[in-house]
Amino acid sequence: MSQDIRQRAARARTLLADDTFKEAVQDLKQLQVNVFLNPASTVEDREEAHHIAGALSKIEQYLQSAVMDEKMLDRRK
């Protein structure tokens, strides 16, 4: 079990440090902001942008949580 936590944390750290991943997330977030700033966007467009922005945040939180799980594991020892 602790090995699974460590492997997941290592993969999460790799993704969080990856420039391509960081750029993709940042670009996707900016696209969603642009929808909100566009006066021609519809309610449906803004709702979708809100959902996408929320999903991106959840992905980042999940990855950060994997790293924190390993830190908690190390503190227990």
N, C-alpha and C. Protein backbone atom coordinates (compact mmCIF):
# COMPACT_ATOMS: atom_id res chain seq x y z
N MET A 1 0.83 -1.19 0.00
CA MET A 1 0.00 0.00 0.00
C MET A 1 0.87 1.25 0.00
N SER A 2 1.87 1.31 0.87
CA SER A 2 2.71 2.50 0.91
C SER A 2 3.47 2.66 -0.41
N GLN A 3 3.78 1.56 -1.07
CA GLN A 3 4.46 1.64 -2.36
C GLN A 3 3.53 2.26 -3.41
N ASP A 4 2.24 1.92 -3.35
CA ASP A 4 1.26 2.51 -4.27
C ASP A 4 1.18 4.02 -4.06
N ILE A 5 1.18 4.44 -2.81
CA ILE A 5 1.11 5.87 -2.49
C ILE A 5 2.34 6.57 -3.04
N ARG A 6 3.50 5.96 -2.85
CA ARG A 6 4.74 6.56 -3.33
C ARG A 6 4.79 6.63 -4.87
N GLN A 7 4.32 5.59 -5.53
CA GLN A 7 4.30 5.59 -6.99
C GLN A 7 3.33 6.65 -7.52
N ARG A 8 2.16 6.73 -6.92
CA ARG A 8 1.18 7.73 -7.34
C ARG A 8 1.72 9.14 -7.10
N ALA A 9 2.38 9.35 -5.97
CA ALA A 9 2.96 10.66 -5.66
C ALA A 9 4.06 11.02 -6.66
N ALA A 10 4.87 10.05 -7.01
CA ALA A 10 5.95 10.30 -7.98
C ALA A 10 5.37 10.69 -9.33
N ARG A 11 4.34 9.98 -9.76
CA ARG A 11 3.70 10.31 -11.04
C ARG A 11 3.05 11.69 -10.97
N ALA A 12 2.42 11.99 -9.85
CA ALA A 12 1.77 13.30 -9.68
C ALA A 12 2.80 14.42 -9.71
N ARG A 13 3.91 14.22 -9.00
CA ARG A 13 4.98 15.24 -9.00
C ARG A 13 5.51 15.46 -10.41
N THR A 14 5.67 14.37 -11.14
CA THR A 14 6.16 14.48 -12.51
C THR A 14 5.22 15.32 -13.36
N LEU A 15 3.93 15.04 -13.25
CA LEU A 15 2.95 15.83 -14.01
C LEU A 15 2.93 17.29 -13.57
N LEU A 16 2.92 17.51 -12.27
CA LEU A 16 2.85 18.88 -11.76
C LEU A 16 4.08 19.70 -12.15
N ALA A 17 5.20 19.03 -12.38
CA ALA A 17 6.43 19.73 -12.75
C ALA A 17 6.61 19.82 -14.27
N ASP A 18 5.81 19.08 -15.01
CA ASP A 18 5.95 19.03 -16.46
C ASP A 18 5.49 20.33 -17.11
N ASP A 19 6.38 20.97 -17.85
CA ASP A 19 6.05 22.25 -18.48
C ASP A 19 4.90 22.15 -19.46
N THR A 20 4.84 21.06 -20.21
CA THR A 20 3.75 20.88 -21.17
C THR A 20 2.41 20.76 -20.45
N PHE A 21 2.38 20.00 -19.37
CA PHE A 21 1.16 19.85 -18.58
C PHE A 21 0.75 21.19 -17.99
N LYS A 22 1.71 21.89 -17.38
CA LYS A 22 1.39 23.19 -16.76
C LYS A 22 0.88 24.18 -17.80
N GLU A 23 1.51 24.18 -18.97
CA GLU A 23 1.08 25.10 -20.03
C GLU A 23 -0.32 24.75 -20.52
N ALA A 24 -0.59 23.46 -20.68
CA ALA A 24 -1.91 23.03 -21.13
C ALA A 24 -2.99 23.45 -20.13
N VAL A 25 -2.75 23.23 -18.86
CA VAL A 25 -3.73 23.61 -17.84
C VAL A 25 -3.93 25.12 -17.83
N GLN A 26 -2.84 25.86 -17.90
CA GLN A 26 -2.94 27.32 -17.91
C GLN A 26 -3.69 27.82 -19.14
N ASP A 27 -3.38 27.26 -20.30
CA ASP A 27 -4.06 27.66 -21.53
C ASP A 27 -5.55 27.35 -21.46
N LEU A 28 -5.89 26.17 -20.96
CA LEU A 28 -7.29 25.79 -20.84
C LEU A 28 -8.03 26.71 -19.86
N LYS A 29 -7.38 27.07 -18.77
CA LYS A 29 -8.00 28.00 -17.82
C LYS A 29 -8.24 29.36 -18.48
N GLN A 30 -7.24 29.82 -19.24
CA GLN A 30 -7.39 31.12 -19.90
C GLN A 30 -8.51 31.09 -20.93
N LEU A 31 -8.65 29.99 -21.63
CA LEU A 31 -9.77 29.86 -22.58
C LEU A 31 -11.11 30.00 -21.87
N GLN A 32 -11.20 29.44 -20.67
CA GLN A 32 -12.46 29.53 -19.93
C GLN A 32 -12.70 30.95 -19.44
N VAL A 33 -11.65 31.63 -19.02
CA VAL A 33 -11.78 33.03 -18.60
C VAL A 33 -12.25 33.87 -19.79
N ASN A 34 -11.71 33.58 -20.96
CA ASN A 34 -12.10 34.32 -22.16
C ASN A 34 -13.59 34.17 -22.45
N VAL A 35 -14.14 33.01 -22.17
CA VAL A 35 -15.57 32.80 -22.37
C VAL A 35 -16.35 33.76 -21.46
N PHE A 36 -15.92 33.88 -20.21
CA PHE A 36 -16.61 34.77 -19.27
C PHE A 36 -16.47 36.23 -19.69
N LEU A 37 -15.35 36.58 -20.28
CA LEU A 37 -15.11 37.97 -20.68
C LEU A 37 -15.76 38.33 -22.01
N ASN A 38 -16.21 37.34 -22.74
CA ASN A 38 -16.82 37.56 -24.05
C ASN A 38 -18.30 37.93 -23.87
N PRO A 39 -18.65 39.16 -24.21
CA PRO A 39 -20.06 39.57 -24.03
C PRO A 39 -21.03 38.80 -24.92
N ALA A 40 -20.51 38.15 -25.97
CA ALA A 40 -21.38 37.38 -26.86
C ALA A 40 -21.59 35.95 -26.38
N SER A 41 -20.92 35.56 -25.30
CA SER A 41 -21.08 34.18 -24.83
C SER A 41 -22.47 33.99 -24.25
N THR A 42 -22.97 32.79 -24.41
CA THR A 42 -24.30 32.46 -23.91
C THR A 42 -24.20 31.92 -22.49
N VAL A 43 -25.34 31.80 -21.87
CA VAL A 43 -25.39 31.21 -20.53
C VAL A 43 -24.80 29.80 -20.57
N GLU A 44 -25.15 29.06 -21.62
CA GLU A 44 -24.63 27.69 -21.75
C GLU A 44 -23.12 27.69 -21.91
N ASP A 45 -22.59 28.65 -22.68
CA ASP A 45 -21.14 28.76 -22.84
C ASP A 45 -20.47 29.01 -21.49
N ARG A 46 -21.03 29.91 -20.72
CA ARG A 46 -20.45 30.24 -19.41
C ARG A 46 -20.58 29.09 -18.43
N GLU A 47 -21.69 28.38 -18.48
CA GLU A 47 -21.85 27.22 -17.61
C GLU A 47 -20.81 26.14 -17.95
N GLU A 48 -20.61 25.91 -19.25
CA GLU A 48 -19.62 24.93 -19.66
C GLU A 48 -18.22 25.37 -19.23
N ALA A 49 -17.91 26.65 -19.40
CA ALA A 49 -16.60 27.17 -18.99
C ALA A 49 -16.41 26.99 -17.49
N HIS A 50 -17.47 27.23 -16.74
CA HIS A 50 -17.41 27.05 -15.29
C HIS A 50 -17.12 25.60 -14.94
N HIS A 51 -17.78 24.68 -15.61
CA HIS A 51 -17.57 23.25 -15.36
C HIS A 51 -16.15 22.82 -15.73
N ILE A 52 -15.67 23.32 -16.85
CA ILE A 52 -14.32 22.97 -17.28
C ILE A 52 -13.29 23.52 -16.29
N ALA A 53 -13.46 24.77 -15.89
CA ALA A 53 -12.54 25.37 -14.91
C ALA A 53 -12.56 24.58 -13.61
N GLY A 54 -13.75 24.17 -13.19
CA GLY A 54 -13.86 23.36 -11.98
C GLY A 54 -13.17 22.02 -12.12
N ALA A 55 -13.32 21.40 -13.28
CA ALA A 55 -12.67 20.10 -13.52
C ALA A 55 -11.15 20.24 -13.51
N LEU A 56 -10.64 21.31 -14.10
CA LEU A 56 -9.20 21.53 -14.10
C LEU A 56 -8.68 21.70 -12.67
N SER A 57 -9.42 22.42 -11.87
CA SER A 57 -9.04 22.59 -10.46
C SER A 57 -9.06 21.27 -9.72
N LYS A 58 -10.07 20.45 -9.99
CA LYS A 58 -10.15 19.13 -9.34
C LYS A 58 -8.97 18.25 -9.73
N ILE A 59 -8.55 18.32 -10.98
CA ILE A 59 -7.40 17.54 -11.43
C ILE A 59 -6.15 17.97 -10.67
N GLU A 60 -5.94 19.28 -10.59
CA GLU A 60 -4.77 19.79 -9.85
C GLU A 60 -4.84 19.40 -8.38
N GLN A 61 -6.01 19.51 -7.78
CA GLN A 61 -6.17 19.13 -6.38
C GLN A 61 -5.89 17.65 -6.18
N TYR A 62 -6.33 16.83 -7.10
CA TYR A 62 -6.11 15.38 -7.00
C TYR A 62 -4.61 15.08 -7.02
N LEU A 63 -3.90 15.72 -7.94
CA LEU A 63 -2.46 15.49 -8.04
C LEU A 63 -1.73 15.99 -6.79
N GLN A 64 -2.12 17.15 -6.31
CA GLN A 64 -1.50 17.69 -5.10
C GLN A 64 -1.83 16.80 -3.89
N SER A 65 -3.00 16.24 -3.89
CA SER A 65 -3.40 15.35 -2.80
C SER A 65 -2.53 14.08 -2.80
N ALA A 66 -2.20 13.58 -3.96
CA ALA A 66 -1.34 12.40 -4.05
C ALA A 66 0.03 12.70 -3.45
N VAL A 67 0.55 13.89 -3.71
CA VAL A 67 1.84 14.28 -3.14
C VAL A 67 1.71 14.42 -1.62
N MET A 68 0.64 15.01 -1.16
CA MET A 68 0.42 15.18 0.28
C MET A 68 0.24 13.83 0.98
N ASP A 69 -0.39 12.88 0.31
CA ASP A 69 -0.55 11.54 0.90
C ASP A 69 0.81 10.92 1.22
N GLU A 70 1.77 11.12 0.33
CA GLU A 70 3.10 10.58 0.57
C GLU A 70 3.75 11.30 1.75
N LYS A 71 3.57 12.60 1.83
CA LYS A 71 4.14 13.36 2.96
C LYS A 71 3.54 12.89 4.29
N MET A 72 2.25 12.64 4.28
CA MET A 72 1.59 12.14 5.50
C MET A 72 2.12 10.76 5.86
N LEU A 73 2.33 9.92 4.86
CA LEU A 73 2.88 8.60 5.08
C LEU A 73 4.26 8.70 5.71
N ASP A 74 5.09 9.61 5.21
CA ASP A 74 6.43 9.77 5.73
C ASP A 74 6.41 10.30 7.18
N ARG A 75 5.46 11.13 7.51
CA ARG A 75 5.37 11.67 8.87
C ARG A 75 4.96 10.62 9.89
N ARG A 76 4.24 9.61 9.43
CA ARG A 76 3.80 8.55 10.35
C ARG A 76 4.96 7.65 10.76
N LYS A 77 6.01 7.66 9.98
CA LYS A 77 7.13 6.74 10.28
C LYS A 77 8.04 7.31 11.31
